[in-house]
Amino acid sequence: MADQEIGTVAQYFSKAGVAAIELTGSIKVGDNIHIKGHTTDLTQTVSSMQIDKNVVKEASGGDAVGIKVNDRVRPGDKVYKL
């Protein structure tokens, strides 16, 4: 099964280790994601997610979410659900 593109990184907050992602598809806590860009190649499980500083279990297209990431990501990186 091919990876499904579900969004784009809008911003990265290095102190918090959080990526702000503009979603075009749905995602939930526990999903495995792959963030890929020019110099980024990160695969991880979504452990926590927030919308407007409120913890959520799932989000869908049109939402802007903050996801804790294990490494640096960059604006413009594509986010795929595995």
N, C-alpha and C. Protein backbone atom coordinates (compact mmCIF):
# COMPACT_ATOMS: atom_id res chain seq x y z
N MET A 1 0.84 -1.19 0.00
CA MET A 1 0.00 0.00 0.00
C MET A 1 0.88 1.24 0.00
N ALA A 2 0.58 2.19 -0.87
CA ALA A 2 1.38 3.40 -0.98
C ALA A 2 1.06 4.35 0.18
N ASP A 3 2.05 5.15 0.54
CA ASP A 3 1.83 6.16 1.57
C ASP A 3 0.79 7.16 1.07
N GLN A 4 -0.04 7.62 2.00
CA GLN A 4 -1.08 8.58 1.67
C GLN A 4 -0.67 9.95 2.20
N GLU A 5 -0.57 10.95 1.32
CA GLU A 5 -0.21 12.30 1.77
C GLU A 5 -1.37 12.88 2.55
N ILE A 6 -1.08 13.36 3.78
CA ILE A 6 -2.15 13.89 4.63
C ILE A 6 -1.91 15.33 5.07
N GLY A 7 -0.80 15.94 4.63
CA GLY A 7 -0.59 17.32 5.03
C GLY A 7 0.81 17.83 4.76
N THR A 8 1.03 19.07 5.20
CA THR A 8 2.30 19.75 4.99
C THR A 8 2.71 20.44 6.29
N VAL A 9 4.01 20.38 6.60
CA VAL A 9 4.52 21.08 7.77
C VAL A 9 4.46 22.59 7.51
N ALA A 10 3.81 23.33 8.41
CA ALA A 10 3.71 24.78 8.28
C ALA A 10 4.81 25.47 9.07
N GLN A 11 5.18 24.89 10.22
CA GLN A 11 6.16 25.51 11.10
C GLN A 11 6.75 24.45 12.02
N TYR A 12 7.97 24.70 12.49
CA TYR A 12 8.61 23.81 13.45
C TYR A 12 9.06 24.62 14.65
N PHE A 13 8.72 24.14 15.84
CA PHE A 13 9.10 24.81 17.09
C PHE A 13 10.19 23.98 17.75
N SER A 14 11.44 24.43 17.62
CA SER A 14 12.58 23.62 18.04
C SER A 14 12.64 23.40 19.55
N LYS A 15 12.29 24.41 20.35
CA LYS A 15 12.37 24.24 21.81
C LYS A 15 11.38 23.19 22.29
N ALA A 16 10.19 23.16 21.70
CA ALA A 16 9.17 22.19 22.11
C ALA A 16 9.29 20.88 21.33
N GLY A 17 9.99 20.91 20.20
CA GLY A 17 10.08 19.72 19.35
C GLY A 17 8.74 19.37 18.73
N VAL A 18 8.01 20.42 18.30
CA VAL A 18 6.66 20.24 17.78
C VAL A 18 6.58 20.77 16.35
N ALA A 19 5.91 20.01 15.50
CA ALA A 19 5.65 20.44 14.13
C ALA A 19 4.19 20.88 14.03
N ALA A 20 3.97 22.07 13.45
CA ALA A 20 2.62 22.52 13.13
C ALA A 20 2.32 22.03 11.73
N ILE A 21 1.25 21.25 11.59
CA ILE A 21 0.93 20.60 10.32
C ILE A 21 -0.46 21.01 9.85
N GLU A 22 -0.54 21.48 8.60
CA GLU A 22 -1.82 21.78 7.96
C GLU A 22 -2.30 20.49 7.30
N LEU A 23 -3.40 19.95 7.79
CA LEU A 23 -3.88 18.65 7.30
C LEU A 23 -4.76 18.76 6.07
N THR A 24 -4.59 17.80 5.15
CA THR A 24 -5.49 17.63 4.01
C THR A 24 -6.20 16.28 4.14
N GLY A 25 -5.75 15.45 5.06
CA GLY A 25 -6.36 14.15 5.32
C GLY A 25 -6.51 13.93 6.81
N SER A 26 -6.99 12.77 7.21
CA SER A 26 -7.23 12.51 8.63
C SER A 26 -6.04 11.79 9.27
N ILE A 27 -5.92 11.99 10.58
CA ILE A 27 -4.84 11.39 11.36
C ILE A 27 -5.34 11.19 12.78
N LYS A 28 -4.81 10.18 13.45
CA LYS A 28 -5.17 9.98 14.86
C LYS A 28 -3.95 9.51 15.64
N VAL A 29 -4.01 9.66 16.95
CA VAL A 29 -2.93 9.22 17.82
C VAL A 29 -2.76 7.72 17.62
N GLY A 30 -1.51 7.28 17.45
CA GLY A 30 -1.22 5.88 17.21
C GLY A 30 -0.88 5.59 15.75
N ASP A 31 -1.25 6.52 14.85
CA ASP A 31 -0.91 6.34 13.43
C ASP A 31 0.60 6.48 13.23
N ASN A 32 1.12 5.75 12.26
CA ASN A 32 2.52 5.91 11.87
C ASN A 32 2.56 6.92 10.72
N ILE A 33 3.47 7.89 10.85
CA ILE A 33 3.60 8.92 9.82
C ILE A 33 5.03 8.96 9.30
N HIS A 34 5.16 9.50 8.09
CA HIS A 34 6.46 9.70 7.46
C HIS A 34 6.50 11.16 7.01
N ILE A 35 7.48 11.91 7.51
CA ILE A 35 7.65 13.31 7.11
C ILE A 35 8.86 13.35 6.19
N LYS A 36 8.64 13.83 4.96
CA LYS A 36 9.67 13.79 3.94
C LYS A 36 9.82 15.17 3.30
N GLY A 37 11.06 15.60 3.19
CA GLY A 37 11.35 16.87 2.54
C GLY A 37 12.72 16.83 1.90
N HIS A 38 13.20 17.99 1.49
CA HIS A 38 14.48 18.09 0.81
C HIS A 38 15.61 17.49 1.64
N THR A 39 15.63 17.79 2.94
CA THR A 39 16.66 17.25 3.84
C THR A 39 16.06 16.49 5.01
N THR A 40 14.76 16.25 4.98
CA THR A 40 14.06 15.58 6.07
C THR A 40 13.60 14.20 5.63
N ASP A 41 13.77 13.21 6.51
CA ASP A 41 13.25 11.87 6.26
C ASP A 41 13.03 11.21 7.62
N LEU A 42 11.82 11.39 8.16
CA LEU A 42 11.52 10.98 9.53
C LEU A 42 10.27 10.10 9.53
N THR A 43 10.36 8.94 10.17
CA THR A 43 9.21 8.06 10.35
C THR A 43 9.00 7.86 11.84
N GLN A 44 7.76 8.02 12.30
CA GLN A 44 7.47 7.84 13.72
C GLN A 44 5.99 7.59 13.92
N THR A 45 5.65 7.21 15.16
CA THR A 45 4.26 7.03 15.57
C THR A 45 3.79 8.33 16.24
N VAL A 46 2.56 8.74 15.94
CA VAL A 46 2.00 9.94 16.56
C VAL A 46 1.67 9.61 18.01
N SER A 47 2.39 10.25 18.95
CA SER A 47 2.18 9.96 20.37
C SER A 47 1.27 10.99 21.04
N SER A 48 1.28 12.23 20.54
CA SER A 48 0.40 13.26 21.08
C SER A 48 0.12 14.28 20.00
N MET A 49 -1.05 14.90 20.10
CA MET A 49 -1.49 15.84 19.08
C MET A 49 -2.36 16.89 19.73
N GLN A 50 -2.23 18.14 19.26
CA GLN A 50 -3.03 19.23 19.83
C GLN A 50 -3.60 20.10 18.71
N ILE A 51 -4.78 20.66 18.99
CA ILE A 51 -5.36 21.70 18.16
C ILE A 51 -5.64 22.87 19.08
N ASP A 52 -5.07 24.03 18.79
CA ASP A 52 -5.23 25.23 19.63
C ASP A 52 -4.95 24.94 21.10
N LYS A 53 -3.86 24.22 21.37
CA LYS A 53 -3.40 23.87 22.72
C LYS A 53 -4.33 22.93 23.48
N ASN A 54 -5.28 22.32 22.78
CA ASN A 54 -6.16 21.32 23.38
C ASN A 54 -5.76 19.95 22.86
N VAL A 55 -5.56 18.99 23.75
CA VAL A 55 -5.17 17.65 23.35
C VAL A 55 -6.34 16.99 22.62
N VAL A 56 -6.05 16.40 21.46
CA VAL A 56 -7.07 15.69 20.69
C VAL A 56 -6.55 14.30 20.33
N LYS A 57 -7.46 13.39 20.07
CA LYS A 57 -7.10 12.02 19.69
C LYS A 57 -7.06 11.86 18.17
N GLU A 58 -7.85 12.68 17.46
CA GLU A 58 -7.85 12.60 16.00
C GLU A 58 -8.19 13.96 15.39
N ALA A 59 -7.80 14.12 14.13
CA ALA A 59 -8.04 15.36 13.41
C ALA A 59 -8.26 15.01 11.94
N SER A 60 -8.86 15.94 11.20
CA SER A 60 -9.15 15.66 9.79
C SER A 60 -8.73 16.82 8.91
N GLY A 61 -8.91 16.66 7.61
CA GLY A 61 -8.51 17.67 6.64
C GLY A 61 -9.06 19.04 6.99
N GLY A 62 -8.24 20.06 6.85
CA GLY A 62 -8.63 21.42 7.20
C GLY A 62 -8.17 21.85 8.57
N ASP A 63 -7.85 20.87 9.43
CA ASP A 63 -7.36 21.18 10.78
C ASP A 63 -5.87 21.54 10.73
N ALA A 64 -5.45 22.37 11.66
CA ALA A 64 -4.03 22.65 11.87
C ALA A 64 -3.66 22.03 13.22
N VAL A 65 -2.77 21.05 13.21
CA VAL A 65 -2.42 20.34 14.44
C VAL A 65 -0.96 20.53 14.79
N GLY A 66 -0.68 20.38 16.07
CA GLY A 66 0.69 20.34 16.56
C GLY A 66 1.00 18.91 16.97
N ILE A 67 2.08 18.36 16.41
CA ILE A 67 2.47 16.98 16.71
C ILE A 67 3.90 16.98 17.21
N LYS A 68 4.13 16.31 18.35
CA LYS A 68 5.47 16.14 18.88
C LYS A 68 6.27 15.26 17.91
N VAL A 69 7.44 15.75 17.48
CA VAL A 69 8.26 14.99 16.54
C VAL A 69 9.62 14.66 17.16
N ASN A 70 10.21 13.57 16.70
CA ASN A 70 11.47 13.07 17.27
C ASN A 70 12.71 13.76 16.72
N ASP A 71 12.56 14.53 15.65
CA ASP A 71 13.70 15.18 15.02
C ASP A 71 13.22 16.46 14.35
N ARG A 72 14.17 17.27 13.91
CA ARG A 72 13.85 18.53 13.25
C ARG A 72 13.13 18.29 11.92
N VAL A 73 12.08 19.05 11.68
CA VAL A 73 11.40 19.05 10.38
C VAL A 73 11.36 20.50 9.88
N ARG A 74 11.03 20.68 8.62
CA ARG A 74 11.09 22.01 8.04
C ARG A 74 9.77 22.39 7.36
N PRO A 75 9.44 23.67 7.35
CA PRO A 75 8.22 24.10 6.65
C PRO A 75 8.27 23.65 5.19
N GLY A 76 7.15 23.14 4.71
CA GLY A 76 7.08 22.65 3.35
C GLY A 76 7.25 21.14 3.22
N ASP A 77 7.78 20.50 4.28
CA ASP A 77 7.92 19.03 4.26
C ASP A 77 6.52 18.41 4.14
N LYS A 78 6.43 17.33 3.38
CA LYS A 78 5.17 16.63 3.20
C LYS A 78 5.01 15.56 4.30
N VAL A 79 3.77 15.37 4.74
CA VAL A 79 3.45 14.39 5.78
C VAL A 79 2.60 13.30 5.17
N TYR A 80 3.02 12.05 5.38
CA TYR A 80 2.32 10.90 4.83
C TYR A 80 1.90 9.97 5.96
N LYS A 81 0.73 9.34 5.80
CA LYS A 81 0.29 8.31 6.74
C LYS A 81 0.69 6.96 6.15
N LEU A 82 1.34 6.12 6.97
CA LEU A 82 1.80 4.83 6.50
C LEU A 82 0.72 3.76 6.64
